[in-house]
Amino acid sequence: EDAAFAEARIAQLEHVARFATVVDHVDDADGVAGLGSVVRVAHPTGGTMELELVGRRTAESGAGEVSLASPVGQALNGVRAGDVARVALPSGEIRVLSVLEVVPPAKRARAEAA
């Protein structure tokens, strides 16, 4: 049973490695949200949220992480501070998020290291 599990996991990892894409990011990206960015948005109910844009496989690991493949991730990809993101929910409802700040990955990494 353990051997079968290990073989299945190896096959899964080989599949991931075969179809993986290396994403190059610009140091600042002119304030445009993308993979690894943290986007602070005003929620329609009045609060604020910080959402980190992550890859599809990473999104399952933590709160506040949003996959770029999700409706929210698609709406936030490419936004800048001051933009309004419209999220089409599976229910058909449109949720509007006001973008307050975009922190690119390089800037966030420097802040965490300090």
C-alpha atoms as a PDB file:
ATOM      1  CA  GLU A   1       0.000   0.000   0.000  1.00  0.00           C
ATOM      2  CA  ASP A   2       2.812   2.418   0.885  1.00  0.00           C
ATOM      3  CA  ALA A   3       4.648   1.596  -2.328  1.00  0.00           C
ATOM      4  CA  ALA A   4       1.531   2.266  -4.398  1.00  0.00           C
ATOM      5  CA  PHE A   5       1.026   5.591  -2.636  1.00  0.00           C
ATOM      6  CA  ALA A   6       4.668   6.568  -3.239  1.00  0.00           C
ATOM      7  CA  GLU A   7       4.449   5.607  -6.927  1.00  0.00           C
ATOM      8  CA  ALA A   8       1.249   7.637  -7.360  1.00  0.00           C
ATOM      9  CA  ARG A   9       2.855  10.653  -5.662  1.00  0.00           C
ATOM     10  CA  ILE A  10       5.962  10.366  -7.860  1.00  0.00           C
ATOM     11  CA  ALA A  11       3.760  10.239 -10.971  1.00  0.00           C
ATOM     12  CA  GLN A  12       1.868  13.305  -9.754  1.00  0.00           C
ATOM     13  CA  LEU A  13       5.091  15.252  -9.136  1.00  0.00           C
ATOM     14  CA  GLU A  14       6.486  14.237 -12.531  1.00  0.00           C
ATOM     15  CA  HIS A  15       3.294  15.539 -14.136  1.00  0.00           C
ATOM     16  CA  VAL A  16       3.588  18.855 -12.269  1.00  0.00           C
ATOM     17  CA  ALA A  17       7.253  19.210 -13.269  1.00  0.00           C
ATOM     18  CA  ARG A  18       6.501  18.383 -16.910  1.00  0.00           C
ATOM     19  CA  PHE A  19       3.845  21.100 -17.242  1.00  0.00           C
ATOM     20  CA  ALA A  20       5.325  23.710 -14.883  1.00  0.00           C
ATOM     21  CA  THR A  21       6.067  27.172 -16.243  1.00  0.00           C
ATOM     22  CA  VAL A  22       8.691  29.485 -14.831  1.00  0.00           C
ATOM     23  CA  VAL A  23       7.225  32.944 -14.362  1.00  0.00           C
ATOM     24  CA  ASP A  24       9.601  35.891 -14.454  1.00  0.00           C
ATOM     25  CA  HIS A  25       8.423  38.930 -12.572  1.00  0.00           C
ATOM     26  CA  VAL A  26       9.603  42.494 -12.875  1.00  0.00           C
ATOM     27  CA  ASP A  27      10.983  43.971  -9.661  1.00  0.00           C
ATOM     28  CA  ASP A  28       8.213  46.549  -9.262  1.00  0.00           C
ATOM     29  CA  ALA A  29       5.880  45.817 -12.210  1.00  0.00           C
ATOM     30  CA  ASP A  30       4.698  49.435 -12.043  1.00  0.00           C
ATOM     31  CA  GLY A  31       2.209  48.615  -9.277  1.00  0.00           C
ATOM     32  CA  VAL A  32       0.338  46.026 -11.351  1.00  0.00           C
ATOM     33  CA  ALA A  33      -0.999  42.995  -9.458  1.00  0.00           C
ATOM     34  CA  GLY A  34       0.241  39.591 -10.570  1.00  0.00           C
ATOM     35  CA  LEU A  35       1.533  36.292  -9.266  1.00  0.00           C
ATOM     36  CA  GLY A  36       2.844  36.761  -5.718  1.00  0.00           C
ATOM     37  CA  SER A  37       1.387  40.239  -5.239  1.00  0.00           C
ATOM     38  CA  VAL A  38      -0.631  41.126  -2.163  1.00  0.00           C
ATOM     39  CA  VAL A  39      -3.723  43.151  -3.054  1.00  0.00           C
ATOM     40  CA  ARG A  40      -5.552  45.083  -0.342  1.00  0.00           C
ATOM     41  CA  VAL A  41      -9.191  45.646  -1.275  1.00  0.00           C
ATOM     42  CA  ALA A  42     -12.206  47.290   0.299  1.00  0.00           C
ATOM     43  CA  HIS A  43     -14.919  44.695   0.716  1.00  0.00           C
ATOM     44  CA  PRO A  44     -18.517  45.676  -0.143  1.00  0.00           C
ATOM     45  CA  THR A  45     -19.555  44.961   3.450  1.00  0.00           C
ATOM     46  CA  GLY A  46     -17.252  47.707   4.688  1.00  0.00           C
ATOM     47  CA  GLY A  47     -14.078  45.926   5.787  1.00  0.00           C
ATOM     48  CA  THR A  48     -10.764  45.448   4.033  1.00  0.00           C
ATOM     49  CA  MET A  49      -9.036  42.247   2.958  1.00  0.00           C
ATOM     50  CA  GLU A  50      -5.484  41.417   1.954  1.00  0.00           C
ATOM     51  CA  LEU A  51      -5.321  38.760  -0.712  1.00  0.00           C
ATOM     52  CA  GLU A  52      -2.141  37.153  -2.026  1.00  0.00           C
ATOM     53  CA  LEU A  53      -2.323  36.076  -5.675  1.00  0.00           C
ATOM     54  CA  VAL A  54      -0.885  32.565  -5.923  1.00  0.00           C
ATOM     55  CA  GLY A  55      -0.681  29.718  -8.399  1.00  0.00           C
ATOM     56  CA  ARG A  56      -3.336  27.065  -8.649  1.00  0.00           C
ATOM     57  CA  ARG A  57      -1.532  24.492  -6.491  1.00  0.00           C
ATOM     58  CA  THR A  58      -0.497  26.946  -3.776  1.00  0.00           C
ATOM     59  CA  ALA A  59      -3.980  28.330  -3.108  1.00  0.00           C
ATOM     60  CA  GLU A  60      -4.994  25.403  -0.936  1.00  0.00           C
ATOM     61  CA  SER A  61      -2.354  26.160   1.683  1.00  0.00           C
ATOM     62  CA  GLY A  62      -3.466  29.274   3.514  1.00  0.00           C
ATOM     63  CA  ALA A  63      -6.064  31.850   4.357  1.00  0.00           C
ATOM     64  CA  GLY A  64      -5.896  35.025   2.323  1.00  0.00           C
ATOM     65  CA  GLU A  65      -4.409  33.222  -0.660  1.00  0.00           C
ATOM     66  CA  VAL A  66      -6.319  33.433  -3.917  1.00  0.00           C
ATOM     67  CA  SER A  67      -5.551  31.354  -6.991  1.00  0.00           C
ATOM     68  CA  LEU A  68      -5.100  33.287 -10.222  1.00  0.00           C
ATOM     69  CA  ALA A  69      -7.421  30.678 -11.769  1.00  0.00           C
ATOM     70  CA  SER A  70     -10.309  31.587  -9.429  1.00  0.00           C
ATOM     71  CA  PRO A  71     -12.916  34.247 -10.257  1.00  0.00           C
ATOM     72  CA  VAL A  72     -11.428  36.617  -7.641  1.00  0.00           C
ATOM     73  CA  GLY A  73      -7.875  35.959  -8.841  1.00  0.00           C
ATOM     74  CA  GLN A  74      -8.849  36.595 -12.463  1.00  0.00           C
ATOM     75  CA  ALA A  75     -10.535  39.859 -11.507  1.00  0.00           C
ATOM     76  CA  LEU A  76      -7.537  41.073  -9.473  1.00  0.00           C
ATOM     77  CA  ASN A  77      -4.813  40.033 -11.915  1.00  0.00           C
ATOM     78  CA  GLY A  78      -3.522  43.182 -13.607  1.00  0.00           C
ATOM     79  CA  VAL A  79      -5.235  45.740 -11.360  1.00  0.00           C
ATOM     80  CA  ARG A  80      -3.555  48.798  -9.807  1.00  0.00           C
ATOM     81  CA  ALA A  81      -4.338  50.804  -6.679  1.00  0.00           C
ATOM     82  CA  GLY A  82      -7.453  52.868  -7.348  1.00  0.00           C
ATOM     83  CA  ASP A  83      -8.962  50.337  -9.772  1.00  0.00           C
ATOM     84  CA  VAL A  84     -12.273  48.590  -9.250  1.00  0.00           C
ATOM     85  CA  ALA A  85     -12.347  44.825  -9.778  1.00  0.00           C
ATOM     86  CA  ARG A  86     -15.614  43.181 -10.744  1.00  0.00           C
ATOM     87  CA  VAL A  87     -15.829  39.557  -9.684  1.00  0.00           C
ATOM     88  CA  ALA A  88     -18.302  37.316 -11.453  1.00  0.00           C
ATOM     89  CA  LEU A  89     -19.352  34.758  -8.847  1.00  0.00           C
ATOM     90  CA  PRO A  90     -20.570  31.281  -9.852  1.00  0.00           C
ATOM     91  CA  SER A  91     -24.065  32.317  -8.691  1.00  0.00           C
ATOM     92  CA  GLY A  92     -24.105  34.991 -11.401  1.00  0.00           C
ATOM     93  CA  GLU A  93     -23.796  37.798  -8.859  1.00  0.00           C
ATOM     94  CA  ILE A  94     -21.208  40.514  -9.518  1.00  0.00           C
ATOM     95  CA  ARG A  95     -19.137  41.569  -6.505  1.00  0.00           C
ATOM     96  CA  VAL A  96     -17.254  44.877  -6.707  1.00  0.00           C
ATOM     97  CA  LEU A  97     -13.899  45.207  -4.927  1.00  0.00           C
ATOM     98  CA  SER A  98     -12.109  48.567  -4.694  1.00  0.00           C
ATOM     99  CA  VAL A  99      -8.338  48.123  -4.911  1.00  0.00           C
ATOM    100  CA  LEU A 100      -6.615  50.114  -2.176  1.00  0.00           C
ATOM    101  CA  GLU A 101      -3.022  48.913  -2.566  1.00  0.00           C
ATOM    102  CA  VAL A 102      -0.904  46.478  -4.582  1.00  0.00           C
ATOM    103  CA  VAL A 103       2.325  45.218  -3.024  1.00  0.00           C
ATOM    104  CA  PRO A 104       4.527  43.429  -5.581  1.00  0.00           C
ATOM    105  CA  PRO A 105       6.343  40.237  -4.520  1.00  0.00           C
ATOM    106  CA  ALA A 106       9.836  41.782  -4.529  1.00  0.00           C
ATOM    107  CA  LYS A 107       8.772  44.682  -2.299  1.00  0.00           C
ATOM    108  CA  ARG A 108       6.988  42.320   0.085  1.00  0.00           C
ATOM    109  CA  ALA A 109      10.064  40.070   0.293  1.00  0.00           C
ATOM    110  CA  ARG A 110      12.281  43.067   1.144  1.00  0.00           C
ATOM    111  CA  ALA A 111       9.835  44.185   3.867  1.00  0.00           C
ATOM    112  CA  GLU A 112       9.695  40.692   5.396  1.00  0.00           C
ATOM    113  CA  ALA A 113      13.506  40.425   5.398  1.00  0.00           C
ATOM    114  CA  ALA A 114      13.916  43.741   7.229  1.00  0.00           C
END
